[in-house]
Amino acid sequence: MREMHTSPQPRTHRHPVLLGLVEALRIDLITVPATFVIATVFWLIGLGSQLPYSIIPEWAFALWGVVHGLSVSTMGFDFSLAPSLITLGVWFFFAAGAKRLVAGITEAEFDDIGDASWWKKIIVALATYVIAYAGPLVTLTLLLGEGALTPLGFLRLALMLLSASAAGFLWVRGLDDIPRLPDLDHDAWEVGARLVKRLLWGSAFLSVLVIAAGIVLRWDELAESLQAYSSPLSAGVGLLIIQILFAPGILFAALSWVGGTGVNVGAGDLSSVFHPVPGPVPHVPVLQLLVGDYPAWTQAAPVLLVLLGVLSVIVGRDHARQVMAASWAGLGIAAVKLFVVLQILAIFARGAMGPLGLSVFGPSPLTSAVVMTAWLVLGMTGGLVLTRLSDMQGGSSTSGDQDGFDDEPFGGIADERDVDYYDED
């Protein structure tokens, strides 16, 4: 019986441009229908009986642009403050797509030994991915969504897409293929990454505590502001949902308020722990926390950021030892990473949400990230110093115990007993 030998199927690789187009289309098929659904819901709940159907696509494409940081103007209202929770979700979608692109091209090219063209193909695929997604987004937002050509809007869009692409690349390839970065101490890099993760989670927790404390102190003002609506309960639920959509920006604004750089609440007024503003502001609960006087002891709030920096270093014995081993290099890497993340958050946390008191809202993108990073780095420095002092004291006490044991008089007695025992035998 003759054996049948089949030749292997020829391996075919799709072009990087095609891969980028496919990934961009995949994100479009998620985001665009979602914006139309949300716009339709707004039309039905809000002003459906007074506005034509043509307003739905305008709202949909306007929302699509605002989510990515662009500025739009519809029905006489200016919107440039991104709903940061949705923006964060889209960022993860985009980063996951970039990860699939890099992983697919790398695995395909590594099948062919000696082929080093995968690096160029990754660049082409990621560039196509960004352009194929950003091109229709900007075009449809400008033409149909009443978008505005503002430098800040395009900066935010570029930061969002490029940072997501870079995160997808690092997710797969790490630092080994980036020039000069492989020379960095990997232990220091990992320690810095863990510190930043701790600081971000701790900052979110601290922001929630600050907002909760503000609600307790200003409960009467919050309840009074909701009475301005015909149905306070419905208004409270609706405003709660809206505030959740803007949660990352609100949490960052709370940190800026605590750090002293403050938050703009419209008409150029800046509210901070050191500089309260009288108001008035629109009847939104979180905005009511920014106006009016607070007790004098609240001016010590920046200490909370320093304490957070200290705890991020010293909590956990193994972690503290790793930070001490990484020394100042680990703290420096953590400071740079933290500043980059906070700066991007600062840029997305500021913008307009309408006229009057919401025409300019949010922390300063120029100073807030710098000041908060300085407070946290001060705390991390203190934590590293405390860890080193603790290690020195632990080392000296250990050596003292050893010396005391050697000089213990009972040691000689034990030795004599041992000698007598062996002599009797």
Protein backbone atom coordinates (compact mmCIF):
# COMPACT_ATOMS: atom_id res chain seq x y z
CA MET A 1 0.00 0.00 0.00
CA ARG A 2 1.48 3.28 -1.05
CA GLU A 3 1.75 6.05 1.53
CA MET A 4 0.37 9.43 0.61
CA HIS A 5 2.69 12.34 1.41
CA THR A 6 1.07 15.71 1.62
CA SER A 7 3.04 18.89 1.47
CA PRO A 8 2.39 21.45 4.23
CA GLN A 9 -0.03 24.19 3.48
CA PRO A 10 1.71 27.41 2.46
CA ARG A 11 1.75 29.92 5.30
CA THR A 12 0.00 33.13 4.40
CA HIS A 13 0.37 36.32 6.41
CA ARG A 14 -2.05 39.16 6.05
CA HIS A 15 -0.54 42.53 5.31
CA PRO A 16 -0.04 44.78 8.38
CA VAL A 17 -2.23 47.48 6.81
CA LEU A 18 -5.08 45.00 6.51
CA LEU A 19 -4.58 43.87 10.10
CA GLY A 20 -4.76 47.48 11.30
CA LEU A 21 -7.91 48.14 9.28
CA VAL A 22 -9.60 45.04 10.69
CA GLU A 23 -8.82 46.01 14.28
CA ALA A 24 -10.01 49.58 13.71
CA LEU A 25 -13.25 48.31 12.19
CA ARG A 26 -13.75 46.01 15.16
CA ILE A 27 -13.62 48.96 17.57
CA ASP A 28 -15.92 51.00 15.29
CA LEU A 29 -18.54 48.23 15.36
CA ILE A 30 -18.63 48.54 19.15
CA THR A 31 -18.38 52.28 19.76
CA VAL A 32 -20.54 53.72 16.96
CA PRO A 33 -23.68 51.60 17.58
CA ALA A 34 -23.31 52.25 21.31
CA THR A 35 -23.33 56.04 20.76
CA PHE A 36 -26.46 55.76 18.59
CA VAL A 37 -28.22 53.75 21.30
CA ILE A 38 -27.31 56.33 23.96
CA ALA A 39 -28.35 59.23 21.70
CA THR A 40 -31.69 57.55 20.99
CA VAL A 41 -32.31 57.00 24.70
CA PHE A 42 -31.58 60.67 25.39
CA TRP A 43 -33.93 61.67 22.59
CA LEU A 44 -36.75 59.50 23.95
CA ILE A 45 -36.34 60.49 27.58
CA GLY A 46 -35.51 64.14 27.12
CA LEU A 47 -36.78 66.18 24.23
CA GLY A 48 -38.16 63.60 21.81
CA SER A 49 -41.45 65.38 21.35
CA GLN A 50 -39.77 68.66 20.42
CA LEU A 51 -36.76 67.67 18.32
CA PRO A 52 -36.59 65.97 14.89
CA TYR A 53 -35.10 62.54 14.29
CA SER A 54 -32.08 64.15 12.62
CA ILE A 55 -30.77 65.22 16.02
CA ILE A 56 -30.02 61.58 16.93
CA PRO A 57 -27.04 61.11 14.56
CA GLU A 58 -25.77 64.57 15.52
CA TRP A 59 -25.81 63.62 19.19
CA ALA A 60 -24.31 60.20 18.44
CA PHE A 61 -21.30 61.51 16.56
CA ALA A 62 -20.90 64.36 19.04
CA LEU A 63 -20.80 61.83 21.88
CA TRP A 64 -18.32 59.69 19.93
CA GLY A 65 -16.00 62.69 19.63
CA VAL A 66 -16.41 63.87 23.23
CA VAL A 67 -15.55 60.41 24.58
CA HIS A 68 -12.18 60.71 22.83
CA GLY A 69 -11.53 64.23 24.13
CA LEU A 70 -12.70 66.32 21.16
CA SER A 71 -14.72 69.50 21.58
CA VAL A 72 -18.25 69.74 20.20
CA SER A 73 -21.04 72.31 20.23
CA THR A 74 -24.65 71.24 19.91
CA MET A 75 -27.88 73.09 20.68
CA GLY A 76 -25.87 76.07 21.86
CA PHE A 77 -23.93 74.10 24.50
CA ASP A 78 -20.18 73.55 24.47
CA PHE A 79 -18.95 70.11 25.49
CA SER A 80 -15.30 69.19 25.85
CA LEU A 81 -15.23 67.33 29.17
CA ALA A 82 -14.92 63.64 28.34
CA PRO A 83 -17.03 61.13 30.32
CA SER A 84 -13.85 59.63 31.67
CA LEU A 85 -15.24 56.24 32.71
CA ILE A 86 -16.40 55.58 29.13
CA THR A 87 -13.13 57.00 27.83
CA LEU A 88 -11.21 54.58 30.02
CA GLY A 89 -13.27 51.68 28.66
CA VAL A 90 -12.58 52.70 25.05
CA TRP A 91 -8.89 53.08 25.93
CA PHE A 92 -8.80 49.45 27.12
CA PHE A 93 -10.57 48.34 23.92
CA PHE A 94 -7.94 50.13 21.85
CA ALA A 95 -5.05 48.78 23.94
CA ALA A 96 -6.41 45.23 23.60
CA GLY A 97 -6.59 45.68 19.83
CA ALA A 98 -3.00 46.91 19.73
CA LYS A 99 -1.98 43.90 21.79
CA ARG A 100 -3.59 41.54 19.28
CA LEU A 101 -1.82 43.29 16.42
CA VAL A 102 1.61 43.09 18.02
CA ALA A 103 1.15 39.50 19.19
CA GLY A 104 -0.13 38.35 15.79
CA ILE A 105 2.68 39.93 13.80
CA THR A 106 5.38 38.80 16.24
CA GLU A 107 4.22 35.17 16.26
CA ALA A 108 3.92 35.08 12.47
CA GLU A 109 7.37 36.55 11.87
CA PHE A 110 9.08 34.40 14.48
CA ASP A 111 7.94 31.34 12.51
CA ASP A 112 10.40 32.46 9.84
CA ILE A 113 13.84 32.26 11.45
CA GLY A 114 16.10 35.14 10.66
CA ASP A 115 13.32 37.48 9.53
CA ALA A 116 13.70 40.76 11.42
CA SER A 117 11.07 42.72 9.48
CA TRP A 118 8.46 42.20 12.19
CA TRP A 119 9.49 45.48 13.88
CA LYS A 120 8.64 47.56 10.79
CA LYS A 121 5.42 45.63 10.26
CA ILE A 122 4.32 46.38 13.81
CA ILE A 123 4.90 50.10 13.24
CA VAL A 124 2.91 49.98 9.99
CA ALA A 125 0.08 48.02 11.61
CA LEU A 126 -0.17 50.32 14.63
CA ALA A 127 0.01 53.46 12.46
CA THR A 128 -2.78 52.09 10.24
CA TYR A 129 -4.75 51.19 13.35
CA VAL A 130 -4.54 54.72 14.72
CA ILE A 131 -5.18 56.51 11.40
CA ALA A 132 -8.00 54.20 10.30
CA TYR A 133 -9.79 54.81 13.60
CA ALA A 134 -8.98 58.49 14.16
CA GLY A 135 -9.71 59.51 10.54
CA PRO A 136 -13.43 58.60 10.46
CA LEU A 137 -13.80 59.73 14.07
CA VAL A 138 -12.54 63.25 13.42
CA THR A 139 -14.31 63.56 10.05
CA LEU A 140 -17.74 62.46 11.26
CA THR A 141 -17.45 64.49 14.47
CA LEU A 142 -16.59 67.67 12.53
CA LEU A 143 -19.19 67.20 9.79
CA LEU A 144 -22.12 65.63 11.61
CA GLY A 145 -21.39 66.05 15.31
CA GLU A 146 -20.77 69.82 15.25
CA GLY A 147 -17.17 69.29 16.34
CA ALA A 148 -14.76 72.17 16.87
CA LEU A 149 -11.11 72.38 15.83
CA THR A 150 -9.35 72.95 19.14
CA PRO A 151 -5.69 72.13 19.93
CA LEU A 152 -6.61 70.64 23.31
CA GLY A 153 -9.13 68.31 21.70
CA PHE A 154 -6.65 66.92 19.19
CA LEU A 155 -4.00 66.64 21.92
CA ARG A 156 -6.33 64.52 24.03
CA LEU A 157 -7.26 62.32 21.08
CA ALA A 158 -3.59 61.79 20.21
CA LEU A 159 -2.67 61.03 23.83
CA MET A 160 -5.47 58.52 24.16
CA LEU A 161 -4.74 56.57 20.98
CA LEU A 162 -0.95 56.69 21.16
CA SER A 163 -0.81 55.74 24.85
CA ALA A 164 -3.16 52.80 24.22
CA SER A 165 -1.01 51.65 21.28
CA ALA A 166 2.14 51.92 23.39
CA ALA A 167 0.48 49.98 26.21
CA GLY A 168 -0.52 47.22 23.78
CA PHE A 169 3.05 46.99 22.50
CA LEU A 170 4.58 46.88 25.98
CA TRP A 171 1.97 44.34 27.01
CA VAL A 172 3.41 41.88 24.47
CA ARG A 173 7.05 42.85 23.88
CA GLY A 174 8.04 44.58 27.11
CA LEU A 175 11.13 46.78 27.22
CA ASP A 176 13.59 44.51 25.41
CA ASP A 177 12.99 45.97 21.94
CA ILE A 178 12.98 49.66 22.87
CA PRO A 179 16.37 51.38 22.46
CA ARG A 180 18.19 52.20 25.73
CA LEU A 181 15.36 50.94 27.93
CA PRO A 182 16.82 47.40 28.15
CA ASP A 183 19.82 48.97 29.91
CA LEU A 184 17.59 49.92 32.83
CA ASP A 185 17.59 47.82 35.96
CA HIS A 186 14.62 45.45 35.54
CA ASP A 187 14.19 45.13 39.30
CA ALA A 188 14.00 48.91 39.65
CA TRP A 189 11.53 49.07 36.76
CA GLU A 190 9.26 46.45 38.34
CA VAL A 191 9.47 48.09 41.76
CA GLY A 192 8.52 51.41 40.15
CA ALA A 193 5.55 49.78 38.42
CA ARG A 194 4.32 48.27 41.70
CA LEU A 195 4.72 51.61 43.46
CA VAL A 196 2.70 53.40 40.78
CA LYS A 197 -0.04 50.75 41.00
CA ARG A 198 -0.21 51.18 44.76
CA LEU A 199 -0.26 54.97 44.48
CA LEU A 200 -3.05 54.98 41.89
CA TRP A 201 -5.27 52.62 43.85
CA GLY A 202 -4.47 54.49 47.06
CA SER A 203 -5.22 57.84 45.40
CA ALA A 204 -8.60 56.55 44.21
CA PHE A 205 -9.41 55.35 47.73
CA LEU A 206 -8.27 58.65 49.22
CA SER A 207 -10.42 60.59 46.75
CA VAL A 208 -13.48 58.55 47.73
CA LEU A 209 -12.79 59.25 51.41
CA VAL A 210 -12.42 62.99 50.74
CA ILE A 211 -15.67 63.12 48.76
CA ALA A 212 -17.46 61.13 51.48
CA ALA A 213 -16.16 63.51 54.14
CA GLY A 214 -17.32 66.47 52.05
CA ILE A 215 -20.80 64.94 51.70
CA VAL A 216 -21.02 64.53 55.49
CA LEU A 217 -19.88 68.12 56.12
CA ARG A 218 -22.06 69.64 53.39
CA TRP A 219 -25.11 67.37 53.59
CA ASP A 220 -27.56 70.25 54.13
CA GLU A 221 -26.28 72.13 51.07
CA LEU A 222 -26.54 69.00 48.93
CA ALA A 223 -30.11 68.30 50.01
CA GLU A 224 -31.07 71.92 49.39
CA SER A 225 -29.61 71.92 45.88
CA LEU A 226 -31.71 68.89 44.89
CA GLN A 227 -34.87 70.67 46.03
CA ALA A 228 -34.48 72.96 43.02
CA TYR A 229 -35.72 70.10 40.79
CA SER A 230 -39.37 69.19 40.40
CA SER A 231 -38.59 65.59 41.42
CA PRO A 232 -35.60 65.56 43.79
CA LEU A 233 -35.46 61.75 43.90
CA SER A 234 -35.40 61.34 40.11
CA ALA A 235 -32.89 64.17 39.80
CA GLY A 236 -30.67 62.57 42.43
CA VAL A 237 -30.67 59.22 40.63
CA GLY A 238 -30.02 60.80 37.24
CA LEU A 239 -27.23 63.01 38.54
CA LEU A 240 -25.68 60.03 40.33
CA ILE A 241 -25.49 58.11 37.04
CA ILE A 242 -23.95 61.10 35.28
CA GLN A 243 -21.38 61.57 38.04
CA ILE A 244 -20.43 57.88 37.84
CA LEU A 245 -19.72 58.33 34.11
CA PHE A 246 -17.31 61.12 35.02
CA ALA A 247 -15.90 59.29 38.07
CA PRO A 248 -12.17 59.17 37.12
CA GLY A 249 -12.14 62.90 36.40
CA ILE A 250 -14.05 63.64 39.60
CA LEU A 251 -11.63 61.56 41.67
CA PHE A 252 -8.68 63.37 40.10
CA ALA A 253 -10.34 66.73 40.79
CA ALA A 254 -10.75 65.72 44.45
CA LEU A 255 -7.00 65.01 44.64
CA SER A 256 -6.26 68.37 43.03
CA TRP A 257 -8.51 70.07 45.59
CA VAL A 258 -6.68 68.29 48.42
CA GLY A 259 -3.24 69.03 46.97
CA GLY A 260 -3.92 72.76 46.85
CA THR A 261 -3.89 73.36 43.08
CA GLY A 262 -7.66 73.52 43.09
CA VAL A 263 -10.50 73.03 40.65
CA ASN A 264 -12.07 75.62 38.35
CA VAL A 265 -15.82 75.90 38.85
CA GLY A 266 -16.52 78.46 36.14
CA ALA A 267 -15.90 82.18 35.60
CA GLY A 268 -12.24 81.76 36.54
CA ASP A 269 -12.92 80.86 40.18
CA LEU A 270 -10.52 78.32 41.68
CA SER A 271 -11.63 76.22 44.65
CA SER A 272 -9.07 74.39 46.77
CA VAL A 273 -8.46 73.39 50.35
CA PHE A 274 -6.64 76.72 50.79
CA HIS A 275 -9.01 78.90 48.74
CA PRO A 276 -12.75 78.31 49.02
CA VAL A 277 -15.11 80.08 46.61
CA PRO A 278 -18.57 81.35 47.50
CA GLY A 279 -20.42 80.07 44.41
CA PRO A 280 -23.06 79.78 43.11
CA VAL A 281 -22.66 76.67 40.94
CA PRO A 282 -25.17 74.54 39.03
CA HIS A 283 -27.26 72.17 41.11
CA VAL A 284 -24.96 69.17 40.81
CA PRO A 285 -24.05 67.45 44.11
CA VAL A 286 -20.33 67.08 43.44
CA LEU A 287 -20.07 70.76 42.50
CA GLN A 288 -21.69 71.79 45.76
CA LEU A 289 -18.68 70.30 47.53
CA LEU A 290 -16.41 72.88 45.89
CA VAL A 291 -18.10 76.03 47.19
CA GLY A 292 -18.47 77.42 50.68
CA ASP A 293 -16.21 77.39 53.71
CA TYR A 294 -14.77 74.33 55.40
CA PRO A 295 -13.32 73.96 58.93
CA ALA A 296 -9.79 75.28 59.40
CA TRP A 297 -8.39 71.79 60.01
CA THR A 298 -9.10 70.81 56.41
CA GLN A 299 -6.11 72.92 55.32
CA ALA A 300 -3.90 70.08 56.56
CA ALA A 301 -5.33 67.83 53.83
CA PRO A 302 -2.12 67.78 51.69
CA VAL A 303 -0.55 65.73 54.49
CA LEU A 304 -2.81 62.89 53.33
CA LEU A 305 -0.96 62.75 49.99
CA VAL A 306 2.39 62.64 51.78
CA LEU A 307 1.11 59.89 54.08
CA LEU A 308 -0.11 57.94 51.06
CA GLY A 309 3.39 58.13 49.58
CA VAL A 310 4.91 56.87 52.82
CA LEU A 311 2.48 53.96 53.10
CA SER A 312 3.03 52.95 49.48
CA VAL A 313 6.66 52.20 50.40
CA ILE A 314 6.55 50.77 53.92
CA VAL A 315 3.40 48.60 53.89
CA GLY A 316 4.45 44.99 53.40
CA ARG A 317 7.80 43.71 54.64
CA ASP A 318 8.85 42.05 51.38
CA HIS A 319 7.70 45.05 49.33
CA ALA A 320 9.61 47.46 51.58
CA ARG A 321 12.78 45.40 51.18
CA GLN A 322 12.40 45.38 47.40
CA VAL A 323 11.94 49.16 47.36
CA MET A 324 15.00 49.56 49.57
CA ALA A 325 17.01 47.34 47.23
CA ALA A 326 15.87 49.34 44.18
CA SER A 327 16.77 52.50 46.11
CA TRP A 328 16.49 55.89 44.42
CA ALA A 329 16.38 54.41 40.92
CA GLY A 330 13.10 52.66 41.71
CA LEU A 331 11.64 55.86 43.20
CA GLY A 332 12.76 57.87 40.18
CA ILE A 333 11.12 55.44 37.74
CA ALA A 334 7.95 55.46 39.83
CA ALA A 335 7.91 59.27 39.89
CA VAL A 336 8.21 59.52 36.09
CA LYS A 337 5.51 56.91 35.47
CA LEU A 338 3.21 58.49 38.03
CA PHE A 339 3.62 61.95 36.52
CA VAL A 340 2.81 60.69 33.02
CA VAL A 341 -0.39 58.99 34.20
CA LEU A 342 -1.49 61.96 36.31
CA GLN A 343 -0.75 64.41 33.49
CA ILE A 344 -2.94 62.48 31.06
CA LEU A 345 -5.70 62.35 33.67
CA ALA A 346 -5.35 66.10 34.25
CA ILE A 347 -5.76 66.84 30.54
CA PHE A 348 -8.90 64.68 30.32
CA ALA A 349 -10.36 65.98 33.59
CA ARG A 350 -10.75 69.56 32.37
CA GLY A 351 -13.23 70.97 29.88
CA ALA A 352 -16.69 72.43 29.32
CA MET A 353 -20.04 70.80 30.01
CA GLY A 354 -22.32 73.62 29.06
CA PRO A 355 -22.68 77.38 29.60
CA LEU A 356 -22.40 79.50 32.73
CA GLY A 357 -20.90 77.62 35.70
CA LEU A 358 -19.85 74.65 33.61
CA SER A 359 -18.16 76.58 30.83
CA VAL A 360 -14.76 75.92 32.45
CA PHE A 361 -14.56 73.04 34.88
CA GLY A 362 -11.75 70.89 36.23
CA PRO A 363 -8.22 71.05 37.62
CA SER A 364 -5.37 72.87 35.94
CA PRO A 365 -3.61 70.58 33.44
CA LEU A 366 -0.37 72.53 33.94
CA THR A 367 0.05 72.45 37.71
CA SER A 368 -2.17 69.77 39.24
CA ALA A 369 -0.15 66.74 38.08
CA VAL A 370 3.14 68.43 39.04
CA VAL A 371 2.03 69.32 42.55
CA MET A 372 0.38 65.96 43.28
CA THR A 373 3.44 64.10 42.03
CA ALA A 374 5.63 66.29 44.27
CA TRP A 375 3.53 65.52 47.37
CA LEU A 376 3.55 61.79 46.67
CA VAL A 377 7.27 61.71 45.86
CA LEU A 378 7.95 63.53 49.13
CA GLY A 379 6.06 60.78 50.92
CA MET A 380 7.88 58.00 49.02
CA THR A 381 11.20 59.60 49.89
CA GLY A 382 10.24 59.65 53.55
CA GLY A 383 9.13 56.03 53.33
CA LEU A 384 12.45 54.96 51.82
CA VAL A 385 14.38 56.83 54.51
CA LEU A 386 12.28 55.19 57.24
CA THR A 387 12.86 51.77 55.69
CA ARG A 388 16.62 52.29 55.63
CA LEU A 389 16.66 53.54 59.23
CA SER A 390 14.62 50.54 60.31
CA ASP A 391 17.01 48.21 58.51
CA MET A 392 20.01 49.85 60.18
CA GLN A 393 18.42 49.52 63.62
CA GLY A 394 17.47 45.93 62.92
CA GLY A 395 21.03 45.14 61.83
CA SER A 396 22.58 46.77 64.91
CA SER A 397 20.21 45.00 67.30
CA THR A 398 20.93 41.68 65.63
CA SER A 399 24.68 42.12 65.97
CA GLY A 400 24.23 43.22 69.59
CA ASP A 401 22.29 40.06 70.36
CA GLN A 402 25.02 37.96 68.81
CA ASP A 403 27.74 39.72 70.83
CA GLY A 404 25.77 39.32 74.03
CA PHE A 405 25.35 35.62 73.38
CA ASP A 406 29.08 35.14 72.90
CA ASP A 407 29.90 37.05 76.10
CA GLU A 408 27.22 35.34 78.18
CA PRO A 409 28.81 33.98 81.38
CA PHE A 410 26.53 30.99 81.36
CA GLY A 411 28.21 29.88 78.18
CA GLY A 412 31.37 29.09 80.14
CA ILE A 413 29.44 27.04 82.65
CA ALA A 414 27.87 25.02 79.90
CA ASP A 415 31.29 24.41 78.38
CA GLU A 416 32.67 23.20 81.74
CA ARG A 417 29.79 20.78 82.13
CA ASP A 418 30.48 19.40 78.69
CA VAL A 419 34.16 18.91 79.55
CA ASP A 420 33.37 17.15 82.86
CA TYR A 421 30.90 14.91 81.09
CA TYR A 422 33.41 13.76 78.54
CA ASP A 423 36.14 13.39 81.18
CA GLU A 424 33.99 11.02 83.24
CA ASP A 425 33.42 8.91 80.19
